[in-house]
Amino acid sequence: MRALGVPAELIEGALAAGPDWRALAQEVRRRKFGPEPPENWSEKARQARFLQYRGFSADHIRSAVSADFDPDSRT
């Protein structure tokens, strides 16, 4: 983008204002599978594959399917 003449401040601002991918992965998982975390390894793998097919990174997927959810985010 800099090669096209876009100011560095504008690039940095756009990147900083981007979506919270962890929260988005959790929301997508919650919409498909419900608020409870996966109960076993095979269910966790199934949910992880679902998110992987939708383009989420391994780090974001791990956070979305982990058992230690924030209880306030279960709405």
Protein backbone atom coordinates (compact mmCIF):
# COMPACT_ATOMS: atom_id res chain seq x y z
CA MET A 1 0.00 0.00 0.00
CA ARG A 2 2.90 2.30 0.69
CA ALA A 3 4.10 1.71 -2.87
CA LEU A 4 0.78 3.12 -4.03
CA GLY A 5 1.29 6.26 -1.97
CA VAL A 6 -1.01 5.51 0.95
CA PRO A 7 0.28 7.32 4.07
CA ALA A 8 1.71 5.09 6.82
CA GLU A 9 -0.58 6.68 9.43
CA LEU A 10 -3.64 5.71 7.42
CA ILE A 11 -2.42 2.11 7.03
CA GLU A 12 -1.66 1.77 10.75
CA GLY A 13 -5.02 3.26 11.70
CA ALA A 14 -6.90 0.88 9.42
CA LEU A 15 -5.04 -2.14 10.79
CA ALA A 16 -5.60 -1.06 14.41
CA ALA A 17 -9.33 -0.57 13.79
CA GLY A 18 -9.70 -4.07 12.33
CA PRO A 19 -12.02 -6.69 13.81
CA ASP A 20 -11.26 -8.67 16.95
CA TRP A 21 -10.69 -12.05 15.28
CA ARG A 22 -10.75 -14.01 18.55
CA ALA A 23 -14.15 -12.61 19.49
CA LEU A 24 -15.41 -13.16 15.96
CA ALA A 25 -14.26 -16.82 15.98
CA GLN A 26 -15.98 -17.34 19.35
CA GLU A 27 -19.19 -15.77 18.06
CA VAL A 28 -19.21 -17.90 14.89
CA ARG A 29 -18.58 -21.05 16.96
CA ARG A 30 -21.29 -20.08 19.46
CA ARG A 31 -23.85 -19.42 16.70
CA LYS A 32 -23.25 -22.83 15.13
CA PHE A 33 -22.71 -25.03 18.22
CA GLY A 34 -24.24 -23.15 21.16
CA PRO A 35 -22.72 -21.46 24.21
CA GLU A 36 -21.21 -24.53 25.89
CA PRO A 37 -17.61 -25.48 25.12
CA PRO A 38 -16.99 -28.82 23.40
CA GLU A 39 -17.28 -31.77 25.79
CA ASN A 40 -14.70 -34.10 24.26
CA TRP A 41 -11.77 -34.20 21.89
CA SER A 42 -13.74 -35.29 18.81
CA GLU A 43 -16.28 -32.49 19.26
CA LYS A 44 -13.46 -30.00 19.78
CA ALA A 45 -11.80 -31.20 16.56
CA ARG A 46 -15.11 -30.95 14.69
CA GLN A 47 -15.64 -27.38 15.82
CA ALA A 48 -12.01 -26.50 15.05
CA ARG A 49 -12.39 -27.84 11.48
CA PHE A 50 -15.58 -25.81 11.07
CA LEU A 51 -13.70 -22.62 12.00
CA GLN A 52 -10.65 -23.60 9.95
CA TYR A 53 -12.79 -23.96 6.81
CA ARG A 54 -13.98 -20.42 7.45
CA GLY A 55 -10.45 -19.01 7.42
CA PHE A 56 -9.68 -18.46 11.10
CA SER A 57 -6.07 -18.89 12.24
CA ALA A 58 -5.01 -21.72 14.55
CA ASP A 59 -4.53 -19.29 17.43
CA HIS A 60 -8.03 -17.86 17.07
CA ILE A 61 -9.53 -21.35 16.74
CA ARG A 62 -7.71 -22.56 19.85
CA SER A 63 -9.10 -19.63 21.79
CA ALA A 64 -12.65 -20.19 20.47
CA VAL A 65 -12.85 -23.90 21.29
CA SER A 66 -10.99 -23.82 24.59
CA ALA A 67 -12.87 -24.83 27.73
CA ASP A 68 -11.90 -21.71 29.68
CA PHE A 69 -14.40 -19.27 28.21
CA ASP A 70 -15.13 -15.95 29.81
CA PRO A 71 -18.48 -16.53 31.57
CA ASP A 72 -19.60 -12.99 30.71
CA SER A 73 -19.34 -13.76 26.99
CA ARG A 74 -21.97 -16.55 27.18
CA THR A 75 -24.96 -14.46 26.24
